[in-house]
Amino acid sequence: MKIIKNEKLIKRNGTIGQYLSLGALVVLGVGMYISFTRPELFTISLICLAVGFIMTQVGMYMGTRYGRSPRPDERLDAGLKGLHSEFHMFHYTAPVSHLLVGPSGVWVILPFQQGGQIFFDKKRWRVRGGGFFQAYMRVFGQEGIGRPDLEAEGEPTSLKKFLVKNLGESNVPEIKPILVFTNEKVELEAGESPIPAMKLKQLKEFMRQGAKSRALTSEQVAQITNLFSAE
Protein backbone atom coordinates (compact mmCIF):
# COMPACT_ATOMS: atom_id res chain seq x y z
CA MET A 1 0.00 0.00 0.00
CA LYS A 2 1.22 3.47 -0.88
CA ILE A 3 0.74 6.20 1.71
CA ILE A 4 0.54 9.88 0.80
CA LYS A 5 0.02 12.40 3.58
CA ASN A 6 0.27 16.14 4.09
CA GLU A 7 3.04 16.21 6.68
CA LYS A 8 3.21 20.01 6.70
CA LEU A 9 -0.47 20.33 7.58
CA ILE A 10 -0.18 17.68 10.31
CA LYS A 11 2.83 19.39 11.87
CA ARG A 12 1.28 22.86 11.61
CA ASN A 13 -2.04 21.86 13.13
CA GLY A 14 -0.31 19.87 15.86
CA THR A 15 1.72 22.95 16.80
CA ILE A 16 -1.38 25.14 16.76
CA GLY A 17 -3.09 22.67 19.08
CA GLN A 18 -0.18 22.84 21.53
CA TYR A 19 -0.15 26.64 21.59
CA LEU A 20 -3.92 26.79 22.00
CA SER A 21 -3.77 24.42 24.97
CA LEU A 22 -0.99 26.42 26.63
CA GLY A 23 -2.75 29.70 25.87
CA ALA A 24 -5.96 28.33 27.34
CA LEU A 25 -4.22 27.67 30.65
CA VAL A 26 -2.99 31.25 30.75
CA VAL A 27 -6.40 32.72 29.90
CA LEU A 28 -8.16 30.49 32.44
CA GLY A 29 -5.57 31.43 35.05
CA VAL A 30 -6.14 35.13 34.40
CA GLY A 31 -9.89 34.64 34.67
CA MET A 32 -9.56 32.83 37.99
CA TYR A 33 -7.14 35.45 39.33
CA ILE A 34 -9.51 38.29 38.45
CA SER A 35 -12.51 36.51 39.97
CA PHE A 36 -10.72 36.18 43.32
CA THR A 37 -8.86 39.50 43.48
CA ARG A 38 -11.20 41.87 41.60
CA PRO A 39 -14.80 40.75 42.14
CA GLU A 40 -16.05 44.00 40.60
CA LEU A 41 -14.60 42.82 37.25
CA PHE A 42 -16.80 39.76 37.22
CA THR A 43 -17.80 40.24 33.57
CA ILE A 44 -14.18 40.28 32.41
CA SER A 45 -13.45 37.22 34.51
CA LEU A 46 -16.41 35.41 32.95
CA ILE A 47 -15.25 36.31 29.44
CA CYS A 48 -11.75 34.99 30.18
CA LEU A 49 -13.14 31.72 31.50
CA ALA A 50 -15.41 31.30 28.46
CA VAL A 51 -12.60 32.06 26.00
CA GLY A 52 -10.24 29.75 27.88
CA PHE A 53 -12.77 26.92 27.77
CA ILE A 54 -13.26 27.33 24.01
CA MET A 55 -9.49 27.40 23.47
CA THR A 56 -9.18 24.22 25.54
CA GLN A 57 -11.77 22.44 23.42
CA VAL A 58 -10.17 23.47 20.13
CA GLY A 59 -6.69 22.62 21.43
CA MET A 60 -7.82 19.15 22.51
CA TYR A 61 -9.55 18.59 19.17
CA MET A 62 -6.45 19.50 17.17
CA GLY A 63 -4.11 17.71 19.57
CA THR A 64 -6.05 14.46 19.27
CA ARG A 65 -6.06 14.53 15.47
CA TYR A 66 -2.71 16.09 14.67
CA GLY A 67 -0.56 16.05 17.79
CA ARG A 68 -0.61 13.06 20.08
CA SER A 69 0.75 9.84 18.63
CA PRO A 70 -0.62 7.49 17.48
CA ARG A 71 -2.73 9.89 15.45
CA PRO A 72 -5.75 8.68 13.43
CA ASP A 73 -3.66 8.54 10.25
CA GLU A 74 -0.95 6.51 11.99
CA ARG A 75 -3.50 4.05 13.36
CA LEU A 76 -5.06 3.56 9.92
CA ASP A 77 -1.66 3.07 8.28
CA ALA A 78 -0.72 0.43 10.84
CA GLY A 79 -4.05 -1.35 10.49
CA LEU A 80 -3.85 -1.47 6.69
CA LYS A 81 -0.17 -2.37 6.51
CA GLY A 82 0.37 -5.19 4.04
CA LEU A 83 -2.36 -4.30 1.56
CA HIS A 84 -1.53 -4.72 -2.13
CA SER A 85 0.58 -1.96 -3.69
CA GLU A 86 -2.35 -0.95 -5.88
CA PHE A 87 -4.05 0.52 -2.82
CA HIS A 88 -3.36 4.19 -2.08
CA MET A 89 -4.03 5.80 1.31
CA PHE A 90 -4.33 9.59 1.29
CA HIS A 91 -4.27 11.65 4.49
CA TYR A 92 -5.17 15.35 4.26
CA THR A 93 -4.24 15.64 0.56
CA ALA A 94 -7.78 15.26 -0.81
CA PRO A 95 -11.12 16.99 -0.17
CA VAL A 96 -11.63 14.42 2.62
CA SER A 97 -9.31 13.71 5.54
CA HIS A 98 -8.74 9.99 4.94
CA LEU A 99 -9.22 8.47 1.48
CA LEU A 100 -8.46 4.92 0.40
CA VAL A 101 -8.43 4.13 -3.32
CA GLY A 102 -7.76 0.68 -4.72
CA PRO A 103 -9.23 -2.36 -6.46
CA SER A 104 -12.04 -2.49 -3.87
CA GLY A 105 -13.21 1.01 -4.79
CA VAL A 106 -13.10 4.56 -3.48
CA TRP A 107 -13.54 4.65 0.29
CA VAL A 108 -13.90 7.67 2.55
CA ILE A 109 -12.66 6.43 5.93
CA LEU A 110 -14.11 8.06 9.03
CA PRO A 111 -12.02 7.03 12.07
CA PHE A 112 -13.32 7.12 15.64
CA GLN A 113 -11.18 6.50 18.71
CA GLN A 114 -13.91 6.22 21.35
CA GLY A 115 -13.93 3.24 23.69
CA GLY A 116 -16.75 1.61 25.62
CA GLN A 117 -19.85 0.16 24.00
CA ILE A 118 -20.78 1.77 20.70
CA PHE A 119 -23.99 0.71 19.03
CA PHE A 120 -26.46 1.75 16.34
CA ASP A 121 -29.98 2.19 17.65
CA LYS A 122 -33.02 3.99 16.24
CA LYS A 123 -31.14 5.66 13.39
CA ARG A 124 -28.42 7.02 15.71
CA TRP A 125 -25.00 5.92 16.92
CA ARG A 126 -24.69 5.90 20.69
CA VAL A 127 -21.96 5.35 23.29
CA ARG A 128 -22.21 3.90 26.76
CA GLY A 129 -19.76 2.58 29.31
CA GLY A 130 -16.03 3.18 29.35
CA GLY A 131 -15.89 4.34 32.98
CA PHE A 132 -15.86 7.77 34.59
CA PHE A 133 -12.96 9.11 32.51
CA GLN A 134 -14.65 8.24 29.23
CA ALA A 135 -17.89 9.84 30.43
CA TYR A 136 -16.01 12.99 31.45
CA MET A 137 -14.24 13.18 28.11
CA ARG A 138 -17.48 12.75 26.20
CA VAL A 139 -18.86 15.81 27.95
CA PHE A 140 -15.78 18.03 28.10
CA GLY A 141 -13.16 16.51 25.82
CA GLN A 142 -14.61 16.15 22.33
CA GLU A 143 -14.97 12.40 22.84
CA GLY A 144 -18.64 12.05 21.93
CA ILE A 145 -19.53 9.95 18.91
CA GLY A 146 -21.22 12.91 17.24
CA ARG A 147 -23.23 12.28 14.06
CA PRO A 148 -21.32 9.79 11.88
CA ASP A 149 -24.31 9.66 9.55
CA LEU A 150 -23.93 13.34 8.70
CA GLU A 151 -20.18 13.01 8.22
CA ALA A 152 -20.77 10.00 5.98
CA GLU A 153 -22.99 12.17 3.79
CA GLY A 154 -20.91 15.33 3.76
CA GLU A 155 -17.41 14.05 3.02
CA PRO A 156 -18.32 11.79 0.05
CA THR A 157 -20.33 14.67 -1.40
CA SER A 158 -17.30 16.98 -1.24
CA LEU A 159 -15.11 14.33 -2.86
CA LYS A 160 -17.63 13.64 -5.61
CA LYS A 161 -17.80 17.33 -6.54
CA PHE A 162 -14.02 17.39 -6.86
CA LEU A 163 -13.89 14.23 -8.99
CA VAL A 164 -16.72 15.39 -11.26
CA LYS A 165 -14.89 18.65 -11.84
CA ASN A 166 -11.61 16.92 -12.70
CA LEU A 167 -12.74 13.69 -14.36
CA GLY A 168 -16.23 14.33 -15.62
CA GLU A 169 -19.37 12.85 -14.08
CA SER A 170 -19.38 9.75 -16.29
CA ASN A 171 -15.92 8.78 -15.01
CA VAL A 172 -16.66 9.05 -11.29
CA PRO A 173 -17.18 5.67 -9.57
CA GLU A 174 -19.29 5.08 -6.49
CA ILE A 175 -17.82 6.73 -3.41
CA LYS A 176 -18.45 4.73 -0.25
CA PRO A 177 -18.06 5.89 3.37
CA ILE A 178 -16.97 3.51 6.11
CA LEU A 179 -16.78 4.01 9.88
CA VAL A 180 -13.63 2.61 11.47
CA PHE A 181 -13.24 2.33 15.25
CA THR A 182 -9.58 2.35 16.21
CA ASN A 183 -9.80 1.80 19.97
CA GLU A 184 -8.76 -1.78 20.77
CA LYS A 185 -11.15 -1.89 23.74
CA VAL A 186 -14.25 -0.80 21.84
CA GLU A 187 -17.30 -3.07 21.82
CA LEU A 188 -19.07 -2.46 18.53
CA GLU A 189 -22.63 -3.33 17.59
CA ALA A 190 -23.32 -1.99 14.10
CA GLY A 191 -26.83 -3.42 14.03
CA GLU A 192 -28.78 -2.09 11.05
CA SER A 193 -26.42 0.79 10.31
CA PRO A 194 -26.79 1.84 6.65
CA ILE A 195 -23.09 2.72 6.66
CA PRO A 196 -20.46 -0.05 6.92
CA ALA A 197 -18.84 0.04 10.36
CA MET A 198 -16.09 -2.12 11.81
CA LYS A 199 -13.09 -2.30 14.09
CA LEU A 200 -9.72 -1.32 12.67
CA LYS A 201 -8.42 -4.88 12.87
CA GLN A 202 -11.18 -5.97 10.46
CA LEU A 203 -10.55 -3.29 7.85
CA LYS A 204 -7.64 -4.84 5.96
CA GLU A 205 -9.40 -8.14 5.35
CA PHE A 206 -12.56 -6.28 4.35
CA MET A 207 -10.63 -4.41 1.67
CA ARG A 208 -8.87 -7.57 0.50
CA GLN A 209 -12.19 -9.32 0.04
CA GLY A 210 -13.59 -6.31 -1.79
CA ALA A 211 -10.61 -6.28 -4.14
CA LYS A 212 -11.52 -9.76 -5.38
CA SER A 213 -14.62 -8.38 -7.10
CA ARG A 214 -12.51 -5.63 -8.69
CA ALA A 215 -14.65 -2.51 -8.24
CA LEU A 216 -12.01 -0.41 -10.04
CA THR A 217 -9.68 -1.30 -12.88
CA SER A 218 -5.98 -0.45 -12.67
CA GLU A 219 -6.59 2.41 -15.11
CA GLN A 220 -9.36 3.85 -12.92
CA VAL A 221 -7.21 3.59 -9.81
CA ALA A 222 -4.37 5.42 -11.55
CA GLN A 223 -6.72 8.07 -12.94
CA ILE A 224 -8.06 8.91 -9.48
CA THR A 225 -4.87 8.59 -7.46
CA ASN A 226 -2.92 10.80 -9.87
CA LEU A 227 -5.18 13.69 -8.87
CA PHE A 228 -3.96 13.53 -5.28
CA SER A 229 -0.45 12.14 -5.58
CA ALA A 230 0.71 15.45 -7.00
CA GLU A 231 -0.82 17.48 -4.16
C-alpha atoms as a PDB file:
ATOM      1  CA  MET A   1       0.000   0.000   0.000  1.00  0.00           C
ATOM      2  CA  LYS A   2       1.217   3.466  -0.877  1.00  0.00           C
ATOM      3  CA  ILE A   3       0.737   6.201   1.712  1.00  0.00           C
ATOM      4  CA  ILE A   4       0.544   9.877   0.802  1.00  0.00           C
ATOM      5  CA  LYS A   5       0.023  12.403   3.584  1.00  0.00           C
ATOM      6  CA  ASN A   6       0.274  16.141   4.086  1.00  0.00           C
ATOM      7  CA  GLU A   7       3.042  16.210   6.682  1.00  0.00           C
ATOM      8  CA  LYS A   8       3.206  20.013   6.698  1.00  0.00           C
ATOM      9  CA  LEU A   9      -0.472  20.328   7.585  1.00  0.00           C
ATOM     10  CA  ILE A  10      -0.183  17.680  10.306  1.00  0.00           C
ATOM     11  CA  LYS A  11       2.832  19.391  11.867  1.00  0.00           C
ATOM     12  CA  ARG A  12       1.284  22.858  11.610  1.00  0.00           C
ATOM     13  CA  ASN A  13      -2.038  21.864  13.135  1.00  0.00           C
ATOM     14  CA  GLY A  14      -0.308  19.865  15.857  1.00  0.00           C
ATOM     15  CA  THR A  15       1.722  22.948  16.799  1.00  0.00           C
ATOM     16  CA  ILE A  16      -1.381  25.141  16.757  1.00  0.00           C
ATOM     17  CA  GLY A  17      -3.090  22.670  19.083  1.00  0.00           C
ATOM     18  CA  GLN A  18      -0.178  22.836  21.527  1.00  0.00           C
ATOM     19  CA  TYR A  19      -0.145  26.637  21.586  1.00  0.00           C
ATOM     20  CA  LEU A  20      -3.916  26.792  21.999  1.00  0.00           C
ATOM     21  CA  SER A  21      -3.770  24.417  24.968  1.00  0.00           C
ATOM     22  CA  LEU A  22      -0.995  26.423  26.627  1.00  0.00           C
ATOM     23  CA  GLY A  23      -2.753  29.699  25.865  1.00  0.00           C
ATOM     24  CA  ALA A  24      -5.965  28.328  27.336  1.00  0.00           C
ATOM     25  CA  LEU A  25      -4.224  27.666  30.653  1.00  0.00           C
ATOM     26  CA  VAL A  26      -2.993  31.251  30.753  1.00  0.00           C
ATOM     27  CA  VAL A  27      -6.404  32.722  29.904  1.00  0.00           C
ATOM     28  CA  LEU A  28      -8.162  30.488  32.439  1.00  0.00           C
ATOM     29  CA  GLY A  29      -5.572  31.433  35.046  1.00  0.00           C
ATOM     30  CA  VAL A  30      -6.138  35.133  34.404  1.00  0.00           C
ATOM     31  CA  GLY A  31      -9.888  34.644  34.671  1.00  0.00           C
ATOM     32  CA  MET A  32      -9.561  32.829  37.990  1.00  0.00           C
ATOM     33  CA  TYR A  33      -7.142  35.455  39.331  1.00  0.00           C
ATOM     34  CA  ILE A  34      -9.506  38.289  38.448  1.00  0.00           C
ATOM     35  CA  SER A  35     -12.508  36.511  39.971  1.00  0.00           C
ATOM     36  CA  PHE A  36     -10.717  36.182  43.323  1.00  0.00           C
ATOM     37  CA  THR A  37      -8.864  39.499  43.475  1.00  0.00           C
ATOM     38  CA  ARG A  38     -11.203  41.873  41.599  1.00  0.00           C
ATOM     39  CA  PRO A  39     -14.803  40.749  42.144  1.00  0.00           C
ATOM     40  CA  GLU A  40     -16.051  43.999  40.599  1.00  0.00           C
ATOM     41  CA  LEU A  41     -14.598  42.823  37.253  1.00  0.00           C
ATOM     42  CA  PHE A  42     -16.803  39.760  37.219  1.00  0.00           C
ATOM     43  CA  THR A  43     -17.802  40.238  33.565  1.00  0.00           C
ATOM     44  CA  ILE A  44     -14.177  40.282  32.408  1.00  0.00           C
ATOM     45  CA  SER A  45     -13.448  37.216  34.512  1.00  0.00           C
ATOM     46  CA  LEU A  46     -16.409  35.407  32.948  1.00  0.00           C
ATOM     47  CA  ILE A  47     -15.247  36.311  29.441  1.00  0.00           C
ATOM     48  CA  CYS A  48     -11.750  34.993  30.184  1.00  0.00           C
ATOM     49  CA  LEU A  49     -13.136  31.716  31.500  1.00  0.00           C
ATOM     50  CA  ALA A  50     -15.406  31.300  28.462  1.00  0.00           C
ATOM     51  CA  VAL A  51     -12.600  32.059  25.999  1.00  0.00           C
ATOM     52  CA  GLY A  52     -10.243  29.746  27.882  1.00  0.00           C
ATOM     53  CA  PHE A  53     -12.773  26.924  27.768  1.00  0.00           C
ATOM     54  CA  ILE A  54     -13.255  27.329  24.008  1.00  0.00           C
ATOM     55  CA  MET A  55      -9.493  27.398  23.472  1.00  0.00           C
ATOM     56  CA  THR A  56      -9.176  24.221  25.543  1.00  0.00           C
ATOM     57  CA  GLN A  57     -11.768  22.441  23.416  1.00  0.00           C
ATOM     58  CA  VAL A  58     -10.168  23.470  20.127  1.00  0.00           C
ATOM     59  CA  GLY A  59      -6.695  22.625  21.432  1.00  0.00           C
ATOM     60  CA  MET A  60      -7.818  19.148  22.510  1.00  0.00           C
ATOM     61  CA  TYR A  61      -9.546  18.590  19.171  1.00  0.00           C
ATOM     62  CA  MET A  62      -6.447  19.497  17.175  1.00  0.00           C
ATOM     63  CA  GLY A  63      -4.108  17.710  19.566  1.00  0.00           C
ATOM     64  CA  THR A  64      -6.047  14.461  19.267  1.00  0.00           C
ATOM     65  CA  ARG A  65      -6.058  14.535  15.473  1.00  0.00           C
ATOM     66  CA  TYR A  66      -2.709  16.094  14.665  1.00  0.00           C
ATOM     67  CA  GLY A  67      -0.556  16.049  17.790  1.00  0.00           C
ATOM     68  CA  ARG A  68      -0.612  13.057  20.082  1.00  0.00           C
ATOM     69  CA  SER A  69       0.750   9.837  18.635  1.00  0.00           C
ATOM     70  CA  PRO A  70      -0.616   7.492  17.480  1.00  0.00           C
ATOM     71  CA  ARG A  71      -2.727   9.894  15.447  1.00  0.00           C
ATOM     72  CA  PRO A  72      -5.748   8.676  13.431  1.00  0.00           C
ATOM     73  CA  ASP A  73      -3.659   8.541  10.246  1.00  0.00           C
ATOM     74  CA  GLU A  74      -0.952   6.508  11.995  1.00  0.00           C
ATOM     75  CA  ARG A  75      -3.499   4.046  13.358  1.00  0.00           C
ATOM     76  CA  LEU A  76      -5.058   3.565   9.925  1.00  0.00           C
ATOM     77  CA  ASP A  77      -1.663   3.075   8.278  1.00  0.00           C
ATOM     78  CA  ALA A  78      -0.722   0.430  10.839  1.00  0.00           C
ATOM     79  CA  GLY A  79      -4.051  -1.351  10.488  1.00  0.00           C
ATOM     80  CA  LEU A  80      -3.845  -1.471   6.692  1.00  0.00           C
ATOM     81  CA  LYS A  81      -0.169  -2.372   6.509  1.00  0.00           C
ATOM     82  CA  GLY A  82       0.375  -5.193   4.044  1.00  0.00           C
ATOM     83  CA  LEU A  83      -2.362  -4.295   1.556  1.00  0.00           C
ATOM     84  CA  HIS A  84      -1.534  -4.718  -2.133  1.00  0.00           C
ATOM     85  CA  SER A  85       0.584  -1.956  -3.688  1.00  0.00           C
ATOM     86  CA  GLU A  86      -2.349  -0.949  -5.880  1.00  0.00           C
ATOM     87  CA  PHE A  87      -4.055   0.524  -2.816  1.00  0.00           C
ATOM     88  CA  HIS A  88      -3.357   4.194  -2.083  1.00  0.00           C
ATOM     89  CA  MET A  89      -4.028   5.801   1.307  1.00  0.00           C
ATOM     90  CA  PHE A  90      -4.326   9.587   1.291  1.00  0.00           C
ATOM     91  CA  HIS A  91      -4.268  11.651   4.485  1.00  0.00           C
ATOM     92  CA  TYR A  92      -5.166  15.354   4.263  1.00  0.00           C
ATOM     93  CA  THR A  93      -4.235  15.637   0.564  1.00  0.00           C
ATOM     94  CA  ALA A  94      -7.779  15.255  -0.809  1.00  0.00           C
ATOM     95  CA  PRO A  95     -11.121  16.992  -0.170  1.00  0.00           C
ATOM     96  CA  VAL A  96     -11.635  14.422   2.623  1.00  0.00           C
ATOM     97  CA  SER A  97      -9.312  13.708   5.536  1.00  0.00           C
ATOM     98  CA  HIS A  98      -8.741   9.990   4.937  1.00  0.00           C
ATOM     99  CA  LEU A  99      -9.219   8.474   1.484  1.00  0.00           C
ATOM    100  CA  LEU A 100      -8.456   4.920   0.399  1.00  0.00           C
ATOM    101  CA  VAL A 101      -8.426   4.128  -3.323  1.00  0.00           C
ATOM    102  CA  GLY A 102      -7.758   0.675  -4.722  1.00  0.00           C
ATOM    103  CA  PRO A 103      -9.230  -2.360  -6.456  1.00  0.00           C
ATOM    104  CA  SER A 104     -12.041  -2.495  -3.867  1.00  0.00           C
ATOM    105  CA  GLY A 105     -13.211   1.010  -4.788  1.00  0.00           C
ATOM    106  CA  VAL A 106     -13.097   4.558  -3.477  1.00  0.00           C
ATOM    107  CA  TRP A 107     -13.545   4.647   0.290  1.00  0.00           C
ATOM    108  CA  VAL A 108     -13.899   7.669   2.552  1.00  0.00           C
ATOM    109  CA  ILE A 109     -12.662   6.432   5.933  1.00  0.00           C
ATOM    110  CA  LEU A 110     -14.113   8.058   9.031  1.00  0.00           C
ATOM    111  CA  PRO A 111     -12.016   7.027  12.071  1.00  0.00           C
ATOM    112  CA  PHE A 112     -13.324   7.121  15.636  1.00  0.00           C
ATOM    113  CA  GLN A 113     -11.184   6.496  18.712  1.00  0.00           C
ATOM    114  CA  GLN A 114     -13.914   6.222  21.345  1.00  0.00           C
ATOM    115  CA  GLY A 115     -13.929   3.242  23.688  1.00  0.00           C
ATOM    116  CA  GLY A 116     -16.749   1.610  25.623  1.00  0.00           C
ATOM    117  CA  GLN A 117     -19.852   0.163  23.997  1.00  0.00           C
ATOM    118  CA  ILE A 118     -20.785   1.772  20.704  1.00  0.00           C
ATOM    119  CA  PHE A 119     -23.991   0.708  19.032  1.00  0.00           C
ATOM    120  CA  PHE A 120     -26.456   1.752  16.344  1.00  0.00           C
ATOM    121  CA  ASP A 121     -29.984   2.195  17.646  1.00  0.00           C
ATOM    122  CA  LYS A 122     -33.024   3.991  16.242  1.00  0.00           C
ATOM    123  CA  LYS A 123     -31.142   5.659  13.395  1.00  0.00           C
ATOM    124  CA  ARG A 124     -28.423   7.018  15.708  1.00  0.00           C
ATOM    125  CA  TRP A 125     -25.004   5.918  16.915  1.00  0.00           C
ATOM    126  CA  ARG A 126     -24.690   5.898  20.691  1.00  0.00           C
ATOM    127  CA  VAL A 127     -21.958   5.349  23.290  1.00  0.00           C
ATOM    128  CA  ARG A 128     -22.210   3.902  26.757  1.00  0.00           C
ATOM    129  CA  GLY A 129     -19.764   2.579  29.312  1.00  0.00           C
ATOM    130  CA  GLY A 130     -16.031   3.184  29.353  1.00  0.00           C
ATOM    131  CA  GLY A 131     -15.891   4.337  32.977  1.00  0.00           C
ATOM    132  CA  PHE A 132     -15.857   7.771  34.593  1.00  0.00           C
ATOM    133  CA  PHE A 133     -12.959   9.105  32.515  1.00  0.00           C
ATOM    134  CA  GLN A 134     -14.650   8.236  29.227  1.00  0.00           C
ATOM    135  CA  ALA A 135     -17.889   9.837  30.427  1.00  0.00           C
ATOM    136  CA  TYR A 136     -16.014  12.988  31.451  1.00  0.00           C
ATOM    137  CA  MET A 137     -14.240  13.177  28.106  1.00  0.00           C
ATOM    138  CA  ARG A 138     -17.483  12.746  26.203  1.00  0.00           C
ATOM    139  CA  VAL A 139     -18.861  15.813  27.946  1.00  0.00           C
ATOM    140  CA  PHE A 140     -15.779  18.029  28.097  1.00  0.00           C
ATOM    141  CA  GLY A 141     -13.156  16.512  25.824  1.00  0.00           C
ATOM    142  CA  GLN A 142     -14.607  16.151  22.328  1.00  0.00           C
ATOM    143  CA  GLU A 143     -14.972  12.395  22.836  1.00  0.00           C
ATOM    144  CA  GLY A 144     -18.640  12.052  21.929  1.00  0.00           C
ATOM    145  CA  ILE A 145     -19.526   9.953  18.906  1.00  0.00           C
ATOM    146  CA  GLY A 146     -21.218  12.909  17.243  1.00  0.00           C
ATOM    147  CA  ARG A 147     -23.226  12.276  14.065  1.00  0.00           C
ATOM    148  CA  PRO A 148     -21.315   9.786  11.882  1.00  0.00           C
ATOM    149  CA  ASP A 149     -24.308   9.656   9.549  1.00  0.00           C
ATOM    150  CA  LEU A 150     -23.931  13.342   8.705  1.00  0.00           C
ATOM    151  CA  GLU A 151     -20.176  13.008   8.220  1.00  0.00           C
ATOM    152  CA  ALA A 152     -20.772   9.996   5.985  1.00  0.00           C
ATOM    153  CA  GLU A 153     -22.992  12.166   3.790  1.00  0.00           C
ATOM    154  CA  GLY A 154     -20.909  15.332   3.761  1.00  0.00           C
ATOM    155  CA  GLU A 155     -17.411  14.046   3.025  1.00  0.00           C
ATOM    156  CA  PRO A 156     -18.317  11.791   0.055  1.00  0.00           C
ATOM    157  CA  THR A 157     -20.334  14.671  -1.404  1.00  0.00           C
ATOM    158  CA  SER A 158     -17.298  16.976  -1.245  1.00  0.00           C
ATOM    159  CA  LEU A 159     -15.108  14.332  -2.856  1.00  0.00           C
ATOM    160  CA  LYS A 160     -17.630  13.640  -5.611  1.00  0.00           C
ATOM    161  CA  LYS A 161     -17.798  17.330  -6.542  1.00  0.00           C
ATOM    162  CA  PHE A 162     -14.017  17.389  -6.858  1.00  0.00           C
ATOM    163  CA  LEU A 163     -13.890  14.235  -8.986  1.00  0.00           C
ATOM    164  CA  VAL A 164     -16.724  15.391 -11.256  1.00  0.00           C
ATOM    165  CA  LYS A 165     -14.891  18.654 -11.837  1.00  0.00           C
ATOM    166  CA  ASN A 166     -11.610  16.923 -12.698  1.00  0.00           C
ATOM    167  CA  LEU A 167     -12.738  13.687 -14.356  1.00  0.00           C
ATOM    168  CA  GLY A 168     -16.235  14.330 -15.624  1.00  0.00           C
ATOM    169  CA  GLU A 169     -19.368  12.855 -14.083  1.00  0.00           C
ATOM    170  CA  SER A 170     -19.376   9.752 -16.289  1.00  0.00           C
ATOM    171  CA  ASN A 171     -15.919   8.775 -15.015  1.00  0.00           C
ATOM    172  CA  VAL A 172     -16.659   9.053 -11.290  1.00  0.00           C
ATOM    173  CA  PRO A 173     -17.178   5.668  -9.569  1.00  0.00           C
ATOM    174  CA  GLU A 174     -19.290   5.082  -6.491  1.00  0.00           C
ATOM    175  CA  ILE A 175     -17.819   6.732  -3.408  1.00  0.00           C
ATOM    176  CA  LYS A 176     -18.449   4.728  -0.250  1.00  0.00           C
ATOM    177  CA  PRO A 177     -18.058   5.885   3.365  1.00  0.00           C
ATOM    178  CA  ILE A 178     -16.966   3.507   6.114  1.00  0.00           C
ATOM    179  CA  LEU A 179     -16.781   4.013   9.885  1.00  0.00           C
ATOM    180  CA  VAL A 180     -13.632   2.607  11.471  1.00  0.00           C
ATOM    181  CA  PHE A 181     -13.243   2.328  15.247  1.00  0.00           C
ATOM    182  CA  THR A 182      -9.576   2.353  16.207  1.00  0.00           C
ATOM    183  CA  ASN A 183      -9.799   1.795  19.974  1.00  0.00           C
ATOM    184  CA  GLU A 184      -8.760  -1.780  20.773  1.00  0.00           C
ATOM    185  CA  LYS A 185     -11.151  -1.887  23.736  1.00  0.00           C
ATOM    186  CA  VAL A 186     -14.254  -0.803  21.842  1.00  0.00           C
ATOM    187  CA  GLU A 187     -17.302  -3.072  21.820  1.00  0.00           C
ATOM    188  CA  LEU A 188     -19.068  -2.461  18.535  1.00  0.00           C
ATOM    189  CA  GLU A 189     -22.631  -3.328  17.591  1.00  0.00           C
ATOM    190  CA  ALA A 190     -23.318  -1.988  14.100  1.00  0.00           C
ATOM    191  CA  GLY A 191     -26.832  -3.421  14.026  1.00  0.00           C
ATOM    192  CA  GLU A 192     -28.778  -2.087  11.045  1.00  0.00           C
ATOM    193  CA  SER A 193     -26.423   0.794  10.307  1.00  0.00           C
ATOM    194  CA  PRO A 194     -26.787   1.838   6.655  1.00  0.00           C
ATOM    195  CA  ILE A 195     -23.088   2.717   6.662  1.00  0.00           C
ATOM    196  CA  PRO A 196     -20.465  -0.053   6.918  1.00  0.00           C
ATOM    197  CA  ALA A 197     -18.838   0.042  10.360  1.00  0.00           C
ATOM    198  CA  MET A 198     -16.086  -2.117  11.808  1.00  0.00           C
ATOM    199  CA  LYS A 199     -13.087  -2.303  14.092  1.00  0.00           C
ATOM    200  CA  LEU A 200      -9.722  -1.322  12.674  1.00  0.00           C
ATOM    201  CA  LYS A 201      -8.424  -4.885  12.869  1.00  0.00           C
ATOM    202  CA  GLN A 202     -11.183  -5.967  10.462  1.00  0.00           C
ATOM    203  CA  LEU A 203     -10.552  -3.291   7.850  1.00  0.00           C
ATOM    204  CA  LYS A 204      -7.642  -4.841   5.955  1.00  0.00           C
ATOM    205  CA  GLU A 205      -9.405  -8.145   5.351  1.00  0.00           C
ATOM    206  CA  PHE A 206     -12.563  -6.280   4.353  1.00  0.00           C
ATOM    207  CA  MET A 207     -10.626  -4.408   1.666  1.00  0.00           C
ATOM    208  CA  ARG A 208      -8.870  -7.567   0.503  1.00  0.00           C
ATOM    209  CA  GLN A 209     -12.188  -9.325   0.041  1.00  0.00           C
ATOM    210  CA  GLY A 210     -13.589  -6.309  -1.787  1.00  0.00           C
ATOM    211  CA  ALA A 211     -10.614  -6.278  -4.143  1.00  0.00           C
ATOM    212  CA  LYS A 212     -11.516  -9.758  -5.384  1.00  0.00           C
ATOM    213  CA  SER A 213     -14.620  -8.384  -7.102  1.00  0.00           C
ATOM    214  CA  ARG A 214     -12.514  -5.627  -8.690  1.00  0.00           C
ATOM    215  CA  ALA A 215     -14.653  -2.511  -8.238  1.00  0.00           C
ATOM    216  CA  LEU A 216     -12.006  -0.412 -10.036  1.00  0.00           C
ATOM    217  CA  THR A 217      -9.675  -1.299 -12.877  1.00  0.00           C
ATOM    218  CA  SER A 218      -5.983  -0.453 -12.665  1.00  0.00           C
ATOM    219  CA  GLU A 219      -6.595   2.409 -15.105  1.00  0.00           C
ATOM    220  CA  GLN A 220      -9.361   3.852 -12.919  1.00  0.00           C
ATOM    221  CA  VAL A 221      -7.206   3.588  -9.807  1.00  0.00           C
ATOM    222  CA  ALA A 222      -4.366   5.422 -11.555  1.00  0.00           C
ATOM    223  CA  GLN A 223      -6.719   8.071 -12.936  1.00  0.00           C
ATOM    224  CA  ILE A 224      -8.059   8.914  -9.484  1.00  0.00           C
ATOM    225  CA  THR A 225      -4.866   8.593  -7.459  1.00  0.00           C
ATOM    226  CA  ASN A 226      -2.919  10.801  -9.868  1.00  0.00           C
ATOM    227  CA  LEU A 227      -5.180  13.689  -8.870  1.00  0.00           C
ATOM    228  CA  PHE A 228      -3.962  13.526  -5.280  1.00  0.00           C
ATOM    229  CA  SER A 229      -0.445  12.141  -5.583  1.00  0.00           C
ATOM    230  CA  ALA A 230       0.711  15.448  -6.997  1.00  0.00           C
ATOM    231  CA  GLU A 231      -0.819  17.484  -4.156  1.00  0.00           C
END
